[in-house]
Protein backbone atom coordinates (compact mmCIF):
# COMPACT_ATOMS: atom_id res chain seq x y z
CA MET A 1 3.22 -14.29 -107.03
CA VAL A 2 0.86 -17.24 -106.71
CA VAL A 3 3.39 -19.07 -104.53
CA LEU A 4 3.80 -15.99 -102.33
CA LEU A 5 0.04 -15.61 -102.01
CA VAL A 6 -0.28 -19.27 -100.96
CA LEU A 7 2.45 -18.80 -98.33
CA ILE A 8 0.78 -15.69 -96.97
CA LEU A 9 -2.56 -17.47 -96.64
CA PHE A 10 -0.85 -20.43 -94.96
CA VAL A 11 0.90 -18.26 -92.40
CA TRP A 12 -2.33 -16.37 -91.73
CA ALA A 13 -4.23 -19.65 -91.14
CA ILE A 14 -1.68 -21.22 -88.77
CA PRO A 15 -3.09 -19.66 -85.56
CA PHE A 16 -6.62 -20.80 -86.38
CA ILE A 17 -5.46 -24.34 -87.19
CA TYR A 18 -3.43 -24.46 -83.95
CA GLU A 19 -6.32 -23.22 -81.86
CA HIS A 20 -8.69 -25.72 -83.41
CA ARG A 21 -6.38 -28.70 -82.90
CA ARG A 22 -4.98 -27.70 -79.48
CA VAL A 23 -5.99 -30.04 -76.69
CA PRO A 24 -6.91 -28.11 -73.52
CA GLU A 25 -4.69 -28.77 -70.53
CA PRO A 26 -6.36 -30.71 -67.75
CA ILE A 27 -7.30 -28.70 -64.64
CA SER A 28 -4.89 -29.34 -61.77
CA TYR A 29 -7.19 -29.77 -58.80
CA THR A 30 -4.20 -30.45 -56.59
CA LYS A 31 -2.68 -27.04 -57.35
CA LEU A 32 -6.04 -25.34 -56.86
CA GLU A 33 -6.46 -27.05 -53.50
CA GLN A 34 -2.99 -25.90 -52.42
CA GLU A 35 -3.81 -22.30 -53.29
CA LEU A 36 -7.07 -22.51 -51.33
CA GLN A 37 -5.20 -23.86 -48.30
CA VAL A 38 -2.72 -20.96 -48.46
CA LEU A 39 -5.61 -18.48 -48.66
CA GLU A 40 -7.41 -20.09 -45.70
CA HIS A 41 -4.18 -19.97 -43.68
CA ARG A 42 -3.77 -16.25 -44.36
CA ILE A 43 -7.39 -15.54 -43.34
CA ALA A 44 -6.97 -17.55 -40.14
CA SER A 45 -3.73 -15.75 -39.29
CA SER A 46 -5.36 -12.35 -39.85
CA LYS A 47 -8.27 -13.24 -37.57
CA GLU A 48 -5.87 -14.52 -34.93
CA GLN A 49 -3.87 -11.27 -35.03
CA GLN A 50 -7.04 -9.17 -34.70
CA GLN A 51 -8.23 -11.29 -31.80
CA THR A 52 -4.86 -11.01 -30.07
CA LYS A 53 -4.88 -7.23 -30.57
CA SER A 54 -8.40 -6.86 -29.21
CA ASN A 55 -7.63 -9.08 -26.22
CA ARG A 56 -4.50 -7.19 -25.13
CA PRO A 57 -4.39 -6.78 -21.33
CA ILE A 58 -5.91 -3.62 -19.84
CA SER A 59 -4.08 -1.88 -17.03
CA TYR A 60 -6.24 0.28 -14.77
CA PHE A 61 -4.84 3.15 -12.72
CA ARG A 62 -6.05 6.47 -11.35
CA PHE A 63 -5.75 9.13 -14.05
CA ASN A 64 -6.63 12.69 -14.98
CA PRO A 65 -8.03 12.71 -18.56
CA ASN A 66 -6.66 16.22 -19.22
CA GLY A 67 -3.38 15.91 -21.09
CA LEU A 68 -3.10 12.15 -20.56
CA ALA A 69 -0.51 10.62 -22.89
CA ALA A 70 -1.66 8.43 -25.77
CA ALA A 71 0.33 5.49 -24.37
CA ASP A 72 -1.61 5.72 -21.10
CA TRP A 73 -4.94 5.80 -22.94
CA LYS A 74 -3.82 2.59 -24.69
CA ARG A 75 -3.02 1.01 -21.33
CA LEU A 76 -6.62 1.79 -20.38
CA GLY A 77 -7.83 -0.18 -23.40
CA LEU A 78 -8.85 2.59 -25.82
CA ARG A 79 -8.41 2.17 -29.57
CA ASP A 80 -6.23 4.42 -31.72
CA GLY A 81 -9.27 6.13 -33.26
CA GLN A 82 -10.72 6.95 -29.83
CA ILE A 83 -7.37 8.32 -28.63
CA ARG A 84 -7.06 10.42 -31.78
CA ASN A 85 -10.51 11.95 -31.16
CA ILE A 86 -9.55 12.82 -27.57
CA LYS A 87 -6.34 14.52 -28.69
CA ASN A 88 -8.21 16.44 -31.40
CA TYR A 89 -10.71 17.61 -28.77
CA GLU A 90 -7.86 18.85 -26.55
CA ALA A 91 -6.06 20.48 -29.49
CA LYS A 92 -9.16 22.60 -30.14
CA GLY A 93 -9.09 23.87 -26.56
CA GLY A 94 -11.42 21.25 -25.09
CA ARG A 95 -11.03 20.37 -21.42
CA PHE A 96 -12.67 17.82 -19.14
CA TRP A 97 -14.07 19.89 -16.28
CA LYS A 98 -15.90 16.93 -14.78
CA LYS A 99 -16.03 13.17 -15.39
CA GLU A 100 -19.17 13.34 -17.52
CA ASP A 101 -17.36 15.55 -20.05
CA LEU A 102 -15.53 12.45 -21.31
CA ARG A 103 -18.83 11.46 -22.91
CA LYS A 104 -18.34 14.33 -25.37
CA ILE A 105 -15.94 12.04 -27.24
CA TYR A 106 -18.44 10.55 -29.69
CA SER A 107 -16.37 7.43 -30.41
CA LEU A 108 -16.23 6.49 -26.72
CA SER A 109 -18.94 3.96 -25.92
CA GLN A 110 -21.04 3.93 -22.77
CA ALA A 111 -19.35 0.69 -21.74
CA ASP A 112 -15.91 2.33 -22.05
CA TYR A 113 -17.02 5.30 -19.97
CA GLU A 114 -18.50 3.09 -17.23
CA ARG A 115 -15.32 1.04 -16.85
CA LEU A 116 -13.05 4.13 -16.83
CA GLU A 117 -15.21 6.37 -14.62
CA PRO A 118 -14.18 4.84 -11.24
CA TYR A 119 -10.50 5.52 -11.98
CA MET A 120 -10.88 9.10 -13.22
CA VAL A 121 -9.57 11.88 -11.02
CA VAL A 122 -10.78 15.28 -12.18
CA GLU A 123 -11.89 18.28 -10.17
CA ASP A 124 -15.65 18.20 -10.49
CA ARG A 125 -16.26 21.84 -11.37
CA THR A 126 -18.21 23.57 -14.09
CA PRO A 127 -16.79 26.49 -16.14
CA SER A 128 -19.18 28.87 -14.34
CA GLN A 129 -17.81 27.77 -10.96
CA ILE A 130 -14.26 28.30 -12.20
CA GLU A 131 -15.21 31.79 -13.41
CA LYS A 132 -16.60 32.63 -9.95
CA LYS A 133 -13.41 31.39 -8.33
CA SER A 134 -11.28 33.45 -10.68
CA THR A 135 -12.97 36.67 -9.57
CA VAL A 136 -12.34 35.78 -5.92
CA LEU A 137 -8.66 35.04 -6.52
CA SER A 138 -7.99 38.07 -8.72
CA ALA A 139 -6.81 40.13 -5.75
CA SER A 140 -4.40 37.48 -4.45
CA VAL A 141 -2.75 36.45 -7.74
CA PRO A 142 -0.01 38.89 -8.91
CA PRO A 143 -0.36 40.11 -12.52
CA ILE A 144 1.65 38.19 -15.10
CA ASN A 145 3.73 39.86 -17.80
CA LEU A 146 2.34 38.19 -20.91
CA ASN A 147 5.52 38.82 -22.89
CA ARG A 148 7.89 37.30 -20.34
CA ALA A 149 5.95 34.50 -18.69
CA ASP A 150 6.77 30.91 -19.63
CA SER A 151 4.19 28.21 -20.22
CA VAL A 152 4.45 26.99 -16.60
CA ALA A 153 3.50 30.43 -15.24
CA LEU A 154 0.51 30.58 -17.59
CA LEU A 155 -0.85 27.36 -16.09
CA ASP A 156 -1.86 29.39 -13.02
CA LEU A 157 -4.47 31.19 -15.12
CA PRO A 158 -8.06 29.91 -14.85
CA GLY A 159 -9.08 27.73 -17.78
CA ILE A 160 -5.54 27.49 -19.19
CA GLY A 161 -4.03 24.02 -19.46
CA PRO A 162 -0.77 22.78 -21.01
CA VAL A 163 -2.16 22.93 -24.55
CA PHE A 164 -3.32 26.55 -24.36
CA ALA A 165 -0.21 27.65 -22.46
CA SER A 166 2.06 26.27 -25.17
CA ARG A 167 -0.10 27.85 -27.90
CA ILE A 168 0.16 31.29 -26.29
CA VAL A 169 3.95 31.05 -25.93
CA ARG A 170 4.36 29.75 -29.48
CA TYR A 171 2.19 32.51 -30.97
CA ARG A 172 4.00 35.14 -28.88
CA LYS A 173 7.29 33.95 -30.37
CA LEU A 174 5.91 34.24 -33.90
CA LEU A 175 4.59 37.74 -33.24
CA GLY A 176 7.62 39.01 -31.41
CA GLY A 177 5.47 39.80 -28.39
CA PHE A 178 1.98 41.11 -27.57
CA TYR A 179 1.50 44.87 -27.55
CA THR A 180 -2.10 44.54 -26.32
CA LEU A 181 -3.97 41.81 -24.44
CA ASP A 182 -6.68 41.72 -27.10
CA GLN A 183 -4.21 39.93 -29.38
CA LEU A 184 -4.79 36.81 -27.30
CA LEU A 185 -8.03 36.40 -29.25
CA ASP A 186 -5.84 35.60 -32.28
CA VAL A 187 -4.55 32.47 -30.53
CA TYR A 188 -6.15 29.37 -32.02
CA GLY A 189 -9.10 28.20 -29.92
CA MET A 190 -9.26 31.30 -27.69
CA ASP A 191 -12.81 32.56 -27.20
CA THR A 192 -14.16 35.65 -25.48
CA VAL A 193 -15.29 33.74 -22.36
CA ARG A 194 -11.85 32.28 -21.70
CA TYR A 195 -10.20 35.59 -22.58
CA GLN A 196 -12.33 37.50 -20.06
CA GLN A 197 -11.38 34.93 -17.40
CA ILE A 198 -7.63 35.41 -17.78
CA LYS A 199 -7.51 39.11 -18.71
CA PRO A 200 -7.53 40.42 -15.07
CA TYR A 201 -4.32 38.48 -14.35
CA LEU A 202 -2.28 39.75 -17.30
CA PHE A 203 -0.58 42.85 -18.60
CA ALA A 204 1.45 43.56 -21.75
CA GLN A 205 4.13 46.20 -22.31
CA ALA A 206 4.85 47.59 -25.75
CA GLN A 207 8.57 47.94 -24.98
CA ASP A 208 8.85 44.14 -24.78
CA VAL A 209 7.84 43.75 -28.43
CA GLU A 210 10.61 42.77 -30.87
CA LYS A 211 10.69 45.08 -33.88
CA ILE A 212 11.74 44.43 -37.47
CA ALA A 213 14.09 46.92 -39.15
CA LEU A 214 11.97 47.93 -42.13
CA ASN A 215 14.87 49.19 -44.28
CA GLU A 216 17.00 46.09 -43.70
CA ALA A 217 14.51 43.24 -43.57
CA THR A 218 14.30 40.73 -46.41
CA VAL A 219 11.11 39.23 -47.79
CA ALA A 220 11.72 36.17 -45.60
CA ASP A 221 12.18 38.33 -42.48
CA LEU A 222 8.91 40.16 -43.05
CA GLY A 223 6.99 37.21 -44.47
CA LYS A 224 7.33 34.99 -41.41
CA HIS A 225 5.45 37.49 -39.25
CA PRO A 226 1.79 36.40 -38.76
CA TYR A 227 0.45 39.88 -39.55
CA ILE A 228 2.52 40.54 -42.67
CA ARG A 229 2.96 37.33 -44.64
CA TYR A 230 4.75 36.99 -47.97
CA LYS A 231 2.19 38.78 -50.09
CA TYR A 232 2.70 42.06 -48.22
CA ALA A 233 6.40 41.39 -47.61
CA GLN A 234 7.07 41.18 -51.35
CA ARG A 235 5.25 44.47 -51.99
CA ILE A 236 7.11 46.25 -49.17
CA VAL A 237 10.57 45.12 -50.30
CA ARG A 238 9.79 45.83 -53.96
CA TYR A 239 8.63 49.36 -53.08
CA ARG A 240 11.79 49.96 -51.03
CA GLU A 241 13.99 48.79 -53.93
CA GLN A 242 12.20 51.12 -56.34
CA HIS A 243 11.89 54.23 -54.15
CA GLY A 244 14.74 53.91 -51.68
CA PRO A 245 14.67 53.50 -47.87
CA PHE A 246 11.52 54.34 -45.93
CA LYS A 247 11.74 57.64 -44.09
CA SER A 248 8.74 56.94 -41.87
CA LEU A 249 6.18 54.20 -41.35
CA ASP A 250 3.58 56.42 -43.06
CA ASP A 251 5.44 55.79 -46.33
CA LEU A 252 3.90 52.31 -46.29
CA LEU A 253 0.55 53.92 -47.10
CA ASP A 254 1.86 54.55 -50.61
CA ILE A 255 1.74 50.79 -51.23
CA VAL A 256 -1.56 49.82 -52.85
CA LEU A 257 -2.38 46.93 -50.50
CA ILE A 258 -1.75 48.82 -47.26
CA ASP A 259 -4.35 51.11 -45.69
CA ALA A 260 -4.44 52.98 -42.37
CA VAL A 261 -6.19 50.15 -40.51
CA TYR A 262 -3.63 47.57 -41.59
CA LEU A 263 -0.74 49.94 -40.86
CA ARG A 264 -1.93 50.41 -37.26
CA LYS A 265 -1.91 46.64 -36.89
CA ILE A 266 1.67 46.08 -38.08
CA ALA A 267 3.28 49.36 -36.96
CA PRO A 268 4.17 48.14 -33.43
CA TYR A 269 6.40 45.48 -35.01
CA LEU A 270 8.30 47.79 -37.39
CA THR A 271 11.01 50.37 -36.91
CA ILE A 272 12.84 52.83 -39.17
CA ASP A 273 16.64 52.97 -38.93
CA HIS A 274 17.91 56.48 -39.54
CA ASP A 275 21.49 56.95 -40.74
CA ASP A 276 22.94 59.80 -38.70
């Protein structure tokens, strides 16, 4: 036992003895200098790349800022962040009615605006002037069927550009058609001023609306409709499975979540198939 105890103490003391007697390795200044040189080279390369990127050639040309492609904004010397802000402004329904409206882009400096302004081509009109013009033209422009017009036809409407035209067509496809013009206010970015401008040129017919067969539709069929969604679709299908096919649309009022107001909203998009 004494021998074992001595061995244990010896093994326990070995690390301390080694640490005490170990001679520290000399610092390799050559290796440290090499690492510093590599680091300096990387920093210099990064600065050179940034300088090259900032000094890329600028190509000037006459342009309309409305709907201008990102690649063309880059040719004009704008940075990615500035271009992104312009596209976000347009996506929210923003439009450049006159040259000075480009200053609404907060990331665009005064120097950028001054160098771009001579090349901008935009009809210098205010929204109020456009509204006055729309009332004058209302008699000469034929009414447009909102449920059949393509995005190109919608561009003839006052205050409607490519972005809004595509939004209207895309939302119409999701709905299955508009049964009333007031549904245009559900389109993202549409406000009452713009709606009142375009309303005189449009009409909507209920017979153009695509209907969903209530007794045959699945949860997925009903859930993809903007007015129904999956929460209501699941309740409708579950009720049909428990109580059998719907005999009329009024049967939907027996579902807890559905009231008369909501039923009037979705009824134009539903139909009952009767087995004769």
